[in-house]
Amino acid sequence: MAGVTLIAALLAALMPLSASAQPQPPEAMIRDNINDFMEELEGREAYYEDNIDELKQQVDESLEEVADFRYIGASVMGSYFRNASPEQRSRFVDVFRQTLIDTYTQGLVTFDYDEIRVLDDQRPQREEDRASVAMEVVGTNGDVYPVNYSLRLSDGEWRVVNVIVNGINLGLTFRNQFDQAMRDNNRDYDAVIDGWSPGVGVDELEEGGNE
């Protein structure tokens, strides 16, 4: 399974959460909506290949309700967030969001997995405002990729703030990429933001890592 496609599958799973009922436990909310969304997408790969902008718009609108991009953006910027101007912070959030949408929407049209499933055995919540949901993506070749969503309760709504794929912490990976870009560009915020292109290697995702 290609890296982009694997993460695209996870975005597919996230898309319908915007319409879910908030009182549901996070795992029930995700499970119900994954099932609904997969039924809706089944057999429409060819259509979206010819209408990629429509799919991109759907992803954009859905993630608006699901992901806490401001929180994620601050986390990715890490220690550099403090010295960034308000305009730079806001611009990075916008750029980060758009690059993810553009990159992974393209992968959504290549559904080379058999199943996305939420595990029945979930870890109990340790904090009222934090939750994690364990899942698995089953590839067409039979390989199973463990996935863990990290969610944060914000203003009474659960929002996704990180994803761990096959032991690879995407939030931490993107933070390290931002740090390296700042070093390579002599801590020029504008140059890093303008050139931001997040990526996770295919081999890295397939081989996995340690959480």
C-alpha atoms as a PDB file:
ATOM      1  CA  MET A   1       0.000   0.000   0.000  1.00  0.00           C
ATOM      2  CA  ALA A   2       1.454   3.348  -1.007  1.00  0.00           C
ATOM      3  CA  GLY A   3       2.062   5.855   1.761  1.00  0.00           C
ATOM      4  CA  VAL A   4      -0.167   8.536   0.294  1.00  0.00           C
ATOM      5  CA  THR A   5      -2.975   6.037  -0.231  1.00  0.00           C
ATOM      6  CA  LEU A   6      -2.715   4.720   3.312  1.00  0.00           C
ATOM      7  CA  ILE A   7      -3.047   8.181   4.813  1.00  0.00           C
ATOM      8  CA  ALA A   8      -5.756   9.016   2.278  1.00  0.00           C
ATOM      9  CA  ALA A   9      -7.705   6.054   3.587  1.00  0.00           C
ATOM     10  CA  LEU A  10      -7.493   7.580   7.044  1.00  0.00           C
ATOM     11  CA  LEU A  11      -8.740  10.912   5.751  1.00  0.00           C
ATOM     12  CA  ALA A  12     -11.624   9.061   4.156  1.00  0.00           C
ATOM     13  CA  ALA A  13     -12.460   7.672   7.549  1.00  0.00           C
ATOM     14  CA  LEU A  14     -12.364  11.139   9.089  1.00  0.00           C
ATOM     15  CA  MET A  15     -14.524  12.905   6.520  1.00  0.00           C
ATOM     16  CA  PRO A  16     -18.006  11.976   7.773  1.00  0.00           C
ATOM     17  CA  LEU A  17     -17.377  12.794  11.408  1.00  0.00           C
ATOM     18  CA  SER A  18     -18.594  16.347  10.908  1.00  0.00           C
ATOM     19  CA  ALA A  19     -22.168  15.139  10.718  1.00  0.00           C
ATOM     20  CA  SER A  20     -22.013  12.832  13.718  1.00  0.00           C
ATOM     21  CA  ALA A  21     -23.750  13.315  17.037  1.00  0.00           C
ATOM     22  CA  GLN A  22     -21.348  14.692  19.590  1.00  0.00           C
ATOM     23  CA  PRO A  23     -22.783  12.868  22.643  1.00  0.00           C
ATOM     24  CA  GLN A  24     -21.514   9.575  21.182  1.00  0.00           C
ATOM     25  CA  PRO A  25     -18.263   8.186  22.571  1.00  0.00           C
ATOM     26  CA  PRO A  26     -15.426   8.900  20.120  1.00  0.00           C
ATOM     27  CA  GLU A  27     -15.000   5.273  19.054  1.00  0.00           C
ATOM     28  CA  ALA A  28     -18.727   4.806  18.372  1.00  0.00           C
ATOM     29  CA  MET A  29     -18.848   8.054  16.425  1.00  0.00           C
ATOM     30  CA  ILE A  30     -15.932   7.014  14.247  1.00  0.00           C
ATOM     31  CA  ARG A  31     -17.152   3.448  13.709  1.00  0.00           C
ATOM     32  CA  ASP A  32     -20.667   4.502  12.637  1.00  0.00           C
ATOM     33  CA  ASN A  33     -19.453   7.111  10.240  1.00  0.00           C
ATOM     34  CA  ILE A  34     -16.738   5.006   8.650  1.00  0.00           C
ATOM     35  CA  ASN A  35     -19.366   2.439   7.730  1.00  0.00           C
ATOM     36  CA  ASP A  36     -21.681   5.090   6.263  1.00  0.00           C
ATOM     37  CA  PHE A  37     -18.920   6.812   4.329  1.00  0.00           C
ATOM     38  CA  MET A  38     -17.453   3.643   2.840  1.00  0.00           C
ATOM     39  CA  GLU A  39     -20.881   2.642   1.575  1.00  0.00           C
ATOM     40  CA  GLU A  40     -21.289   6.027  -0.092  1.00  0.00           C
ATOM     41  CA  LEU A  41     -17.880   5.919  -1.808  1.00  0.00           C
ATOM     42  CA  GLU A  42     -18.061   2.334  -3.005  1.00  0.00           C
ATOM     43  CA  GLY A  43     -17.844   2.121  -6.772  1.00  0.00           C
ATOM     44  CA  ARG A  44     -17.265   5.854  -7.325  1.00  0.00           C
ATOM     45  CA  GLU A  45     -13.486   5.807  -7.775  1.00  0.00           C
ATOM     46  CA  ALA A  46     -13.716   6.494 -11.513  1.00  0.00           C
ATOM     47  CA  TYR A  47     -16.073   9.420 -10.958  1.00  0.00           C
ATOM     48  CA  TYR A  48     -13.723  11.085  -8.502  1.00  0.00           C
ATOM     49  CA  GLU A  49     -10.743  10.512 -10.775  1.00  0.00           C
ATOM     50  CA  ASP A  50     -12.534  12.762 -13.287  1.00  0.00           C
ATOM     51  CA  ASN A  51     -13.853  15.165 -10.634  1.00  0.00           C
ATOM     52  CA  ILE A  52     -10.912  15.537  -8.278  1.00  0.00           C
ATOM     53  CA  ASP A  53     -11.784  19.142  -7.408  1.00  0.00           C
ATOM     54  CA  GLU A  54     -15.197  18.011  -6.154  1.00  0.00           C
ATOM     55  CA  LEU A  55     -13.590  15.441  -3.897  1.00  0.00           C
ATOM     56  CA  LYS A  56     -11.049  18.004  -2.734  1.00  0.00           C
ATOM     57  CA  GLN A  57     -13.867  20.364  -1.774  1.00  0.00           C
ATOM     58  CA  GLN A  58     -15.617  17.620   0.171  1.00  0.00           C
ATOM     59  CA  VAL A  59     -12.443  16.846   2.083  1.00  0.00           C
ATOM     60  CA  ASP A  60     -11.896  20.530   2.834  1.00  0.00           C
ATOM     61  CA  GLU A  61     -15.414  21.106   4.125  1.00  0.00           C
ATOM     62  CA  SER A  62     -15.439  17.915   6.175  1.00  0.00           C
ATOM     63  CA  LEU A  63     -12.064  18.460   7.815  1.00  0.00           C
ATOM     64  CA  GLU A  64     -13.167  21.961   8.796  1.00  0.00           C
ATOM     65  CA  GLU A  65     -15.539  20.322  11.275  1.00  0.00           C
ATOM     66  CA  VAL A  66     -13.248  17.476  12.335  1.00  0.00           C
ATOM     67  CA  ALA A  67      -9.616  18.481  12.691  1.00  0.00           C
ATOM     68  CA  ASP A  68      -8.317  21.139  15.068  1.00  0.00           C
ATOM     69  CA  PHE A  69      -5.925  22.642  12.554  1.00  0.00           C
ATOM     70  CA  ARG A  70      -4.916  25.568  14.754  1.00  0.00           C
ATOM     71  CA  TYR A  71      -3.884  23.182  17.498  1.00  0.00           C
ATOM     72  CA  ILE A  72      -2.124  20.918  15.004  1.00  0.00           C
ATOM     73  CA  GLY A  73      -0.354  23.847  13.349  1.00  0.00           C
ATOM     74  CA  ALA A  74       0.980  25.111  16.677  1.00  0.00           C
ATOM     75  CA  SER A  75       2.144  21.604  17.537  1.00  0.00           C
ATOM     76  CA  VAL A  76       3.934  21.175  14.214  1.00  0.00           C
ATOM     77  CA  MET A  77       5.681  24.543  14.595  1.00  0.00           C
ATOM     78  CA  GLY A  78       6.768  23.439  18.067  1.00  0.00           C
ATOM     79  CA  SER A  79       9.138  25.833  19.840  1.00  0.00           C
ATOM     80  CA  TYR A  80       9.142  28.116  16.792  1.00  0.00           C
ATOM     81  CA  PHE A  81       5.489  28.962  17.345  1.00  0.00           C
ATOM     82  CA  ARG A  82       6.338  31.359  20.158  1.00  0.00           C
ATOM     83  CA  ASN A  83       8.420  33.690  17.998  1.00  0.00           C
ATOM     84  CA  ALA A  84       6.212  33.562  14.902  1.00  0.00           C
ATOM     85  CA  SER A  85       3.995  36.550  14.229  1.00  0.00           C
ATOM     86  CA  PRO A  86       0.210  36.099  14.405  1.00  0.00           C
ATOM     87  CA  GLU A  87       0.116  36.450  10.610  1.00  0.00           C
ATOM     88  CA  GLN A  88       2.770  33.761  10.151  1.00  0.00           C
ATOM     89  CA  ARG A  89       0.988  31.406  12.520  1.00  0.00           C
ATOM     90  CA  SER A  90      -2.292  31.825  10.699  1.00  0.00           C
ATOM     91  CA  ARG A  91      -0.662  31.492   7.288  1.00  0.00           C
ATOM     92  CA  PHE A  92       1.117  28.297   8.258  1.00  0.00           C
ATOM     93  CA  VAL A  93      -2.147  26.746   9.437  1.00  0.00           C
ATOM     94  CA  ASP A  94      -3.723  27.584   6.072  1.00  0.00           C
ATOM     95  CA  VAL A  95      -0.756  26.266   4.076  1.00  0.00           C
ATOM     96  CA  PHE A  96      -0.468  23.115   6.190  1.00  0.00           C
ATOM     97  CA  ARG A  97      -4.152  22.384   5.759  1.00  0.00           C
ATOM     98  CA  GLN A  98      -4.164  22.982   2.004  1.00  0.00           C
ATOM     99  CA  THR A  99      -1.072  20.874   1.314  1.00  0.00           C
ATOM    100  CA  LEU A 100      -2.594  17.944   3.176  1.00  0.00           C
ATOM    101  CA  ILE A 101      -5.879  18.288   1.303  1.00  0.00           C
ATOM    102  CA  ASP A 102      -4.168  18.560  -2.101  1.00  0.00           C
ATOM    103  CA  THR A 103      -1.807  15.649  -1.470  1.00  0.00           C
ATOM    104  CA  TYR A 104      -4.140  13.155   0.116  1.00  0.00           C
ATOM    105  CA  THR A 105      -7.241  13.878  -1.936  1.00  0.00           C
ATOM    106  CA  GLN A 106      -5.339  12.589  -4.944  1.00  0.00           C
ATOM    107  CA  GLY A 107      -4.718   9.375  -3.054  1.00  0.00           C
ATOM    108  CA  LEU A 108      -8.378   8.900  -2.223  1.00  0.00           C
ATOM    109  CA  VAL A 109      -9.133   7.774  -5.772  1.00  0.00           C
ATOM    110  CA  THR A 110      -6.861   4.728  -5.408  1.00  0.00           C
ATOM    111  CA  PHE A 111      -8.656   2.647  -2.809  1.00  0.00           C
ATOM    112  CA  ASP A 112      -6.238  -0.282  -2.588  1.00  0.00           C
ATOM    113  CA  TYR A 113      -7.396  -1.479   0.820  1.00  0.00           C
ATOM    114  CA  ASP A 114     -10.065  -3.972   1.764  1.00  0.00           C
ATOM    115  CA  GLU A 115     -11.247  -2.660   5.099  1.00  0.00           C
ATOM    116  CA  ILE A 116     -10.951   0.091   7.707  1.00  0.00           C
ATOM    117  CA  ARG A 117     -12.081  -1.137  11.090  1.00  0.00           C
ATOM    118  CA  VAL A 118     -12.365   0.364  14.556  1.00  0.00           C
ATOM    119  CA  LEU A 119     -11.212  -2.123  17.167  1.00  0.00           C
ATOM    120  CA  ASP A 120     -13.723  -3.359  19.732  1.00  0.00           C
ATOM    121  CA  ASP A 121     -11.143  -3.317  22.528  1.00  0.00           C
ATOM    122  CA  GLN A 122     -10.343   0.349  23.220  1.00  0.00           C
ATOM    123  CA  ARG A 123      -8.189   1.829  25.970  1.00  0.00           C
ATOM    124  CA  PRO A 124     -10.199   3.655  28.624  1.00  0.00           C
ATOM    125  CA  GLN A 125      -9.969   7.459  28.623  1.00  0.00           C
ATOM    126  CA  ARG A 126      -7.499   8.757  31.204  1.00  0.00           C
ATOM    127  CA  GLU A 127      -8.644  12.367  30.885  1.00  0.00           C
ATOM    128  CA  GLU A 128     -12.091  13.811  30.272  1.00  0.00           C
ATOM    129  CA  ASP A 129     -10.890  16.020  27.445  1.00  0.00           C
ATOM    130  CA  ARG A 130      -8.580  13.518  25.742  1.00  0.00           C
ATOM    131  CA  ALA A 131      -9.340  10.305  23.891  1.00  0.00           C
ATOM    132  CA  SER A 132      -7.716   7.861  21.513  1.00  0.00           C
ATOM    133  CA  VAL A 133      -9.362   5.511  19.055  1.00  0.00           C
ATOM    134  CA  ALA A 134      -7.522   2.423  17.801  1.00  0.00           C
ATOM    135  CA  MET A 135      -8.176   1.225  14.249  1.00  0.00           C
ATOM    136  CA  GLU A 136      -6.722  -0.995  11.563  1.00  0.00           C
ATOM    137  CA  VAL A 137      -6.409  -0.557   7.811  1.00  0.00           C
ATOM    138  CA  VAL A 138      -6.332  -3.892   5.977  1.00  0.00           C
ATOM    139  CA  GLY A 139      -4.541  -3.756   2.631  1.00  0.00           C
ATOM    140  CA  THR A 140      -5.562  -5.733  -0.427  1.00  0.00           C
ATOM    141  CA  ASN A 141      -2.414  -7.794   0.067  1.00  0.00           C
ATOM    142  CA  GLY A 142      -3.560  -8.790   3.547  1.00  0.00           C
ATOM    143  CA  ASP A 143      -1.166  -6.531   5.429  1.00  0.00           C
ATOM    144  CA  VAL A 144      -2.675  -4.898   8.500  1.00  0.00           C
ATOM    145  CA  TYR A 145      -1.676  -1.351   9.459  1.00  0.00           C
ATOM    146  CA  PRO A 146      -2.492  -0.273  13.030  1.00  0.00           C
ATOM    147  CA  VAL A 147      -3.805   3.267  13.332  1.00  0.00           C
ATOM    148  CA  ASN A 148      -4.489   5.424  16.365  1.00  0.00           C
ATOM    149  CA  TYR A 149      -6.384   8.720  16.338  1.00  0.00           C
ATOM    150  CA  SER A 150      -5.741  11.208  19.109  1.00  0.00           C
ATOM    151  CA  LEU A 151      -8.721  13.439  19.874  1.00  0.00           C
ATOM    152  CA  ARG A 152      -9.151  16.510  22.032  1.00  0.00           C
ATOM    153  CA  LEU A 153     -12.400  17.842  23.462  1.00  0.00           C
ATOM    154  CA  SER A 154     -12.665  21.499  22.493  1.00  0.00           C
ATOM    155  CA  ASP A 155     -15.770  23.628  23.068  1.00  0.00           C
ATOM    156  CA  GLY A 156     -17.812  20.496  23.641  1.00  0.00           C
ATOM    157  CA  GLU A 157     -16.709  18.832  20.388  1.00  0.00           C
ATOM    158  CA  TRP A 158     -14.205  16.055  19.770  1.00  0.00           C
ATOM    159  CA  ARG A 159     -11.493  17.119  17.339  1.00  0.00           C
ATOM    160  CA  VAL A 160      -8.708  15.029  15.845  1.00  0.00           C
ATOM    161  CA  VAL A 161      -5.278  16.432  16.715  1.00  0.00           C
ATOM    162  CA  ASN A 162      -2.918  13.636  15.694  1.00  0.00           C
ATOM    163  CA  VAL A 163      -2.680  10.290  13.919  1.00  0.00           C
ATOM    164  CA  ILE A 164      -0.223   7.455  14.498  1.00  0.00           C
ATOM    165  CA  VAL A 165       0.091   5.084  11.526  1.00  0.00           C
ATOM    166  CA  ASN A 166       1.911   1.776  11.950  1.00  0.00           C
ATOM    167  CA  GLY A 167       3.844   3.252  14.853  1.00  0.00           C
ATOM    168  CA  ILE A 168       4.739   6.436  12.947  1.00  0.00           C
ATOM    169  CA  ASN A 169       3.607   9.531  14.819  1.00  0.00           C
ATOM    170  CA  LEU A 170       2.597  11.870  11.979  1.00  0.00           C
ATOM    171  CA  GLY A 171       2.389  14.933  14.211  1.00  0.00           C
ATOM    172  CA  LEU A 172       5.918  14.365  15.488  1.00  0.00           C
ATOM    173  CA  THR A 173       7.168  13.586  11.982  1.00  0.00           C
ATOM    174  CA  PHE A 174       5.755  16.845  10.623  1.00  0.00           C
ATOM    175  CA  ARG A 175       7.215  18.751  13.598  1.00  0.00           C
ATOM    176  CA  ASN A 176      10.656  17.318  12.852  1.00  0.00           C
ATOM    177  CA  GLN A 177      10.246  18.289   9.200  1.00  0.00           C
ATOM    178  CA  PHE A 178       9.346  21.845  10.184  1.00  0.00           C
ATOM    179  CA  ASP A 179      12.355  22.021  12.503  1.00  0.00           C
ATOM    180  CA  GLN A 180      14.682  20.785   9.758  1.00  0.00           C
ATOM    181  CA  ALA A 181      13.216  23.260   7.276  1.00  0.00           C
ATOM    182  CA  MET A 182      13.819  26.103   9.728  1.00  0.00           C
ATOM    183  CA  ARG A 183      17.424  25.012  10.139  1.00  0.00           C
ATOM    184  CA  ASP A 184      17.914  24.690   6.380  1.00  0.00           C
ATOM    185  CA  ASN A 185      16.448  28.172   5.811  1.00  0.00           C
ATOM    186  CA  ASN A 186      18.283  29.968   8.613  1.00  0.00           C
ATOM    187  CA  ARG A 187      15.037  30.256  10.610  1.00  0.00           C
ATOM    188  CA  ASP A 188      13.320  32.233   7.884  1.00  0.00           C
ATOM    189  CA  TYR A 189       9.649  31.656   8.750  1.00  0.00           C
ATOM    190  CA  ASP A 190       8.291  33.002   5.490  1.00  0.00           C
ATOM    191  CA  ALA A 191      10.608  30.831   3.377  1.00  0.00           C
ATOM    192  CA  VAL A 192       9.630  27.703   5.331  1.00  0.00           C
ATOM    193  CA  ILE A 193       5.922  28.465   5.117  1.00  0.00           C
ATOM    194  CA  ASP A 194       6.069  29.268   1.397  1.00  0.00           C
ATOM    195  CA  GLY A 195       7.973  26.071   0.679  1.00  0.00           C
ATOM    196  CA  TRP A 196       6.098  23.767   3.047  1.00  0.00           C
ATOM    197  CA  SER A 197       5.447  20.349   1.553  1.00  0.00           C
ATOM    198  CA  PRO A 198       4.854  17.731   4.254  1.00  0.00           C
ATOM    199  CA  GLY A 199       5.625  14.149   3.441  1.00  0.00           C
ATOM    200  CA  VAL A 200       6.048  10.749   4.982  1.00  0.00           C
ATOM    201  CA  GLY A 201       8.029   8.164   3.068  1.00  0.00           C
ATOM    202  CA  VAL A 202       6.264   5.097   1.743  1.00  0.00           C
ATOM    203  CA  ASP A 203       8.974   2.809   3.108  1.00  0.00           C
ATOM    204  CA  GLU A 204       8.766   4.550   6.473  1.00  0.00           C
ATOM    205  CA  LEU A 205       5.031   3.897   6.786  1.00  0.00           C
ATOM    206  CA  GLU A 206       5.239   0.318   5.593  1.00  0.00           C
ATOM    207  CA  GLU A 207       8.144  -0.569   7.872  1.00  0.00           C
ATOM    208  CA  GLY A 208       6.554   1.210  10.814  1.00  0.00           C
ATOM    209  CA  GLY A 209       8.128   2.604  13.939  1.00  0.00           C
ATOM    210  CA  ASN A 210       7.709   2.941  17.656  1.00  0.00           C
ATOM    211  CA  GLU A 211       4.926   5.014  19.171  1.00  0.00           C
END
